[in-house]
Amino acid sequence: MPHLKFIVAGGFILTSITYLMFSGFSDSMVYYHTVSEALELAQENSDKGIRVSGYVSSGTIERDQSASRVDFLVYERDSDQTLPVVYQGIIPDTFKDDAEVVVEGNYRPEEGVFHANVLLAKCPSKYEAMGDEHPEDMPMAEGTD
């Protein structure tokens, strides 16, 4: 019977580790909402933070360099809905018109504005590899034929 204590203790420890592992995974996974989903959810849960993915509407970027603040509209391609966003912080270099962005923060229905505390701009696809081609105007390295 002395082995029974170790089996019970081991089972308890294994169960605890498994629970902590899975609860940690579910807490760290964040779903990206579309603009229309975010507007629906925000009316109910304005105190909860959410992540919204969309595109920067052309011509809507207004920068205040002195305060590191930017105001802009985010839209989704499948609908005509837009979300006004205010962000204050470090603005990514890839942030521009029609860039795909992810903003994280809170929607304040009384203001009708999404206050973002995180702004991520996805890199454009122009950085894809060229393949095995060599540019015509670039000199070949010495020793290669």
C-alpha atoms as a PDB file:
ATOM      1  CA  MET A   1       0.000   0.000   0.000  1.00  0.00           C
ATOM      2  CA  PRO A   2       2.867   2.507   0.294  1.00  0.00           C
ATOM      3  CA  HIS A   3       2.908   2.706  -3.536  1.00  0.00           C
ATOM      4  CA  LEU A   4      -0.710   3.884  -3.509  1.00  0.00           C
ATOM      5  CA  LYS A   5       0.342   7.238  -1.979  1.00  0.00           C
ATOM      6  CA  PHE A   6       2.827   7.829  -4.787  1.00  0.00           C
ATOM      7  CA  ILE A   7       0.308   6.837  -7.460  1.00  0.00           C
ATOM      8  CA  VAL A   8      -2.347   9.195  -6.052  1.00  0.00           C
ATOM      9  CA  ALA A   9       0.178  12.058  -5.627  1.00  0.00           C
ATOM     10  CA  GLY A  10       1.563  11.472  -9.123  1.00  0.00           C
ATOM     11  CA  GLY A  11      -1.931  11.439 -10.620  1.00  0.00           C
ATOM     12  CA  PHE A  12      -2.794  14.676  -8.821  1.00  0.00           C
ATOM     13  CA  ILE A  13       0.409  16.367 -10.040  1.00  0.00           C
ATOM     14  CA  LEU A  14      -0.128  15.153 -13.606  1.00  0.00           C
ATOM     15  CA  THR A  15      -3.752  16.363 -13.574  1.00  0.00           C
ATOM     16  CA  SER A  16      -2.681  19.770 -12.205  1.00  0.00           C
ATOM     17  CA  ILE A  17       0.025  20.212 -14.846  1.00  0.00           C
ATOM     18  CA  THR A  18      -2.397  19.231 -17.633  1.00  0.00           C
ATOM     19  CA  TYR A  19      -5.017  21.691 -16.373  1.00  0.00           C
ATOM     20  CA  LEU A  20      -2.507  24.550 -16.132  1.00  0.00           C
ATOM     21  CA  MET A  21      -1.182  23.789 -19.609  1.00  0.00           C
ATOM     22  CA  PHE A  22      -4.583  23.869 -21.290  1.00  0.00           C
ATOM     23  CA  SER A  23      -5.870  26.874 -19.364  1.00  0.00           C
ATOM     24  CA  GLY A  24      -2.692  28.763 -20.335  1.00  0.00           C
ATOM     25  CA  PHE A  25      -3.205  27.930 -24.006  1.00  0.00           C
ATOM     26  CA  SER A  26      -6.806  29.088 -24.027  1.00  0.00           C
ATOM     27  CA  ASP A  27      -5.924  32.380 -22.289  1.00  0.00           C
ATOM     28  CA  SER A  28      -3.139  33.176 -24.749  1.00  0.00           C
ATOM     29  CA  MET A  29      -5.212  32.481 -27.871  1.00  0.00           C
ATOM     30  CA  VAL A  30      -6.963  35.617 -29.061  1.00  0.00           C
ATOM     31  CA  TYR A  31      -9.498  35.628 -31.855  1.00  0.00           C
ATOM     32  CA  TYR A  32      -9.348  38.361 -34.480  1.00  0.00           C
ATOM     33  CA  HIS A  33     -12.740  39.889 -35.150  1.00  0.00           C
ATOM     34  CA  THR A  34     -13.826  41.541 -38.369  1.00  0.00           C
ATOM     35  CA  VAL A  35     -15.076  45.121 -38.228  1.00  0.00           C
ATOM     36  CA  SER A  36     -18.744  44.067 -38.341  1.00  0.00           C
ATOM     37  CA  GLU A  37     -18.218  41.425 -35.626  1.00  0.00           C
ATOM     38  CA  ALA A  38     -16.377  43.951 -33.469  1.00  0.00           C
ATOM     39  CA  LEU A  39     -19.179  46.498 -33.766  1.00  0.00           C
ATOM     40  CA  GLU A  40     -21.742  43.883 -32.715  1.00  0.00           C
ATOM     41  CA  LEU A  41     -19.643  42.660 -29.786  1.00  0.00           C
ATOM     42  CA  ALA A  42     -18.591  46.116 -28.640  1.00  0.00           C
ATOM     43  CA  GLN A  43     -22.134  47.220 -27.920  1.00  0.00           C
ATOM     44  CA  GLU A  44     -22.431  44.423 -25.359  1.00  0.00           C
ATOM     45  CA  ASN A  45     -18.891  44.287 -23.963  1.00  0.00           C
ATOM     46  CA  SER A  46     -17.393  47.771 -24.110  1.00  0.00           C
ATOM     47  CA  ASP A  47     -15.298  47.099 -21.014  1.00  0.00           C
ATOM     48  CA  LYS A  48     -13.572  44.048 -22.544  1.00  0.00           C
ATOM     49  CA  GLY A  49     -10.604  44.350 -24.867  1.00  0.00           C
ATOM     50  CA  ILE A  50     -10.880  42.842 -28.343  1.00  0.00           C
ATOM     51  CA  ARG A  51      -8.705  42.460 -31.441  1.00  0.00           C
ATOM     52  CA  VAL A  52      -9.940  43.715 -34.789  1.00  0.00           C
ATOM     53  CA  SER A  53      -8.431  42.952 -38.172  1.00  0.00           C
ATOM     54  CA  GLY A  54      -9.098  45.081 -41.234  1.00  0.00           C
ATOM     55  CA  TYR A  55      -7.628  47.552 -43.720  1.00  0.00           C
ATOM     56  CA  VAL A  56      -6.775  51.242 -43.366  1.00  0.00           C
ATOM     57  CA  SER A  57      -9.224  53.312 -45.384  1.00  0.00           C
ATOM     58  CA  SER A  58      -7.405  55.525 -47.925  1.00  0.00           C
ATOM     59  CA  GLY A  59      -7.159  59.189 -47.049  1.00  0.00           C
ATOM     60  CA  THR A  60      -8.334  58.816 -43.454  1.00  0.00           C
ATOM     61  CA  ILE A  61      -4.973  58.839 -41.665  1.00  0.00           C
ATOM     62  CA  GLU A  62      -4.573  61.932 -39.476  1.00  0.00           C
ATOM     63  CA  ARG A  63      -1.276  62.099 -37.590  1.00  0.00           C
ATOM     64  CA  ASP A  64      -0.380  64.221 -34.576  1.00  0.00           C
ATOM     65  CA  GLN A  65       3.411  63.869 -34.486  1.00  0.00           C
ATOM     66  CA  SER A  66       3.787  65.823 -31.239  1.00  0.00           C
ATOM     67  CA  ALA A  67       1.653  63.319 -29.310  1.00  0.00           C
ATOM     68  CA  SER A  68       2.543  60.202 -31.372  1.00  0.00           C
ATOM     69  CA  ARG A  69      -1.158  59.848 -32.074  1.00  0.00           C
ATOM     70  CA  VAL A  70      -2.942  58.682 -35.190  1.00  0.00           C
ATOM     71  CA  ASP A  71      -6.652  58.661 -36.076  1.00  0.00           C
ATOM     72  CA  PHE A  72      -7.905  56.540 -38.979  1.00  0.00           C
ATOM     73  CA  LEU A  73     -10.735  54.347 -40.259  1.00  0.00           C
ATOM     74  CA  VAL A  74     -10.506  50.565 -40.486  1.00  0.00           C
ATOM     75  CA  TYR A  75     -12.755  48.772 -42.972  1.00  0.00           C
ATOM     76  CA  GLU A  76     -13.416  45.203 -43.996  1.00  0.00           C
ATOM     77  CA  ARG A  77     -13.423  44.227 -47.647  1.00  0.00           C
ATOM     78  CA  ASP A  78     -16.574  42.090 -47.467  1.00  0.00           C
ATOM     79  CA  SER A  79     -18.843  44.877 -46.230  1.00  0.00           C
ATOM     80  CA  ASP A  80     -19.112  48.643 -46.184  1.00  0.00           C
ATOM     81  CA  GLN A  81     -18.686  48.956 -42.412  1.00  0.00           C
ATOM     82  CA  THR A  82     -15.916  51.095 -40.962  1.00  0.00           C
ATOM     83  CA  LEU A  83     -14.510  51.536 -37.489  1.00  0.00           C
ATOM     84  CA  PRO A  84     -12.965  54.840 -36.356  1.00  0.00           C
ATOM     85  CA  VAL A  85      -9.723  54.128 -34.482  1.00  0.00           C
ATOM     86  CA  VAL A  86      -7.568  56.296 -32.222  1.00  0.00           C
ATOM     87  CA  TYR A  87      -4.082  55.060 -31.355  1.00  0.00           C
ATOM     88  CA  GLN A  88      -1.342  56.698 -29.334  1.00  0.00           C
ATOM     89  CA  GLY A  89       2.088  55.107 -29.295  1.00  0.00           C
ATOM     90  CA  ILE A  90       4.797  53.945 -31.660  1.00  0.00           C
ATOM     91  CA  ILE A  91       3.437  53.879 -35.192  1.00  0.00           C
ATOM     92  CA  PRO A  92       4.830  51.039 -37.355  1.00  0.00           C
ATOM     93  CA  ASP A  93       6.736  51.977 -40.524  1.00  0.00           C
ATOM     94  CA  THR A  94       4.451  49.765 -42.616  1.00  0.00           C
ATOM     95  CA  PHE A  95       1.342  51.662 -41.479  1.00  0.00           C
ATOM     96  CA  LYS A  96      -0.137  53.432 -44.533  1.00  0.00           C
ATOM     97  CA  ASP A  97      -3.277  53.673 -46.667  1.00  0.00           C
ATOM     98  CA  ASP A  98      -4.819  50.284 -47.549  1.00  0.00           C
ATOM     99  CA  ALA A  99      -2.410  48.434 -45.236  1.00  0.00           C
ATOM    100  CA  GLU A 100      -3.788  45.413 -43.427  1.00  0.00           C
ATOM    101  CA  VAL A 101      -3.818  46.182 -39.693  1.00  0.00           C
ATOM    102  CA  VAL A 102      -4.691  44.564 -36.400  1.00  0.00           C
ATOM    103  CA  VAL A 103      -5.763  46.821 -33.547  1.00  0.00           C
ATOM    104  CA  GLU A 104      -6.290  45.736 -29.975  1.00  0.00           C
ATOM    105  CA  GLY A 105      -8.194  47.776 -27.433  1.00  0.00           C
ATOM    106  CA  ASN A 106     -11.677  48.891 -26.401  1.00  0.00           C
ATOM    107  CA  TYR A 107     -14.627  50.284 -28.311  1.00  0.00           C
ATOM    108  CA  ARG A 108     -16.406  53.131 -26.574  1.00  0.00           C
ATOM    109  CA  PRO A 109     -19.969  53.227 -27.925  1.00  0.00           C
ATOM    110  CA  GLU A 110     -20.704  56.621 -26.362  1.00  0.00           C
ATOM    111  CA  GLU A 111     -17.879  58.136 -28.460  1.00  0.00           C
ATOM    112  CA  GLY A 112     -18.267  55.791 -31.408  1.00  0.00           C
ATOM    113  CA  VAL A 113     -14.484  55.303 -31.434  1.00  0.00           C
ATOM    114  CA  PHE A 114     -12.205  52.294 -30.945  1.00  0.00           C
ATOM    115  CA  HIS A 115      -9.322  53.212 -28.598  1.00  0.00           C
ATOM    116  CA  ALA A 116      -6.400  50.987 -29.556  1.00  0.00           C
ATOM    117  CA  ASN A 117      -3.481  50.292 -27.271  1.00  0.00           C
ATOM    118  CA  VAL A 118      -1.797  47.999 -29.834  1.00  0.00           C
ATOM    119  CA  LEU A 119      -1.365  48.720 -33.555  1.00  0.00           C
ATOM    120  CA  LEU A 120       0.147  46.090 -35.828  1.00  0.00           C
ATOM    121  CA  ALA A 121       0.563  46.655 -39.556  1.00  0.00           C
ATOM    122  CA  LYS A 122       1.183  43.590 -41.675  1.00  0.00           C
ATOM    123  CA  CYS A 123       4.033  43.629 -44.152  1.00  0.00           C
ATOM    124  CA  PRO A 124       3.090  43.979 -47.814  1.00  0.00           C
ATOM    125  CA  SER A 125       3.681  41.078 -50.183  1.00  0.00           C
ATOM    126  CA  LYS A 126       6.205  43.062 -52.226  1.00  0.00           C
ATOM    127  CA  TYR A 127       8.966  41.542 -50.068  1.00  0.00           C
ATOM    128  CA  GLU A 128       8.547  38.084 -51.595  1.00  0.00           C
ATOM    129  CA  ALA A 129      11.636  36.379 -52.989  1.00  0.00           C
ATOM    130  CA  MET A 130      12.507  36.888 -56.646  1.00  0.00           C
ATOM    131  CA  GLY A 131      13.603  33.304 -57.185  1.00  0.00           C
ATOM    132  CA  ASP A 132      16.785  32.291 -59.046  1.00  0.00           C
ATOM    133  CA  GLU A 133      16.794  35.350 -61.312  1.00  0.00           C
ATOM    134  CA  HIS A 134      19.700  37.777 -61.139  1.00  0.00           C
ATOM    135  CA  PRO A 135      18.947  41.472 -61.645  1.00  0.00           C
ATOM    136  CA  GLU A 136      20.486  42.839 -64.858  1.00  0.00           C
ATOM    137  CA  ASP A 137      22.040  45.940 -63.281  1.00  0.00           C
ATOM    138  CA  MET A 138      23.610  44.157 -60.302  1.00  0.00           C
ATOM    139  CA  PRO A 139      27.278  43.118 -60.705  1.00  0.00           C
ATOM    140  CA  MET A 140      28.096  39.445 -60.361  1.00  0.00           C
ATOM    141  CA  ALA A 141      30.366  38.426 -57.492  1.00  0.00           C
ATOM    142  CA  GLU A 142      33.997  37.746 -58.462  1.00  0.00           C
ATOM    143  CA  GLY A 143      34.785  34.108 -59.109  1.00  0.00           C
ATOM    144  CA  THR A 144      31.288  33.106 -60.283  1.00  0.00           C
ATOM    145  CA  ASP A 145      30.581  32.336 -63.888  1.00  0.00           C
END
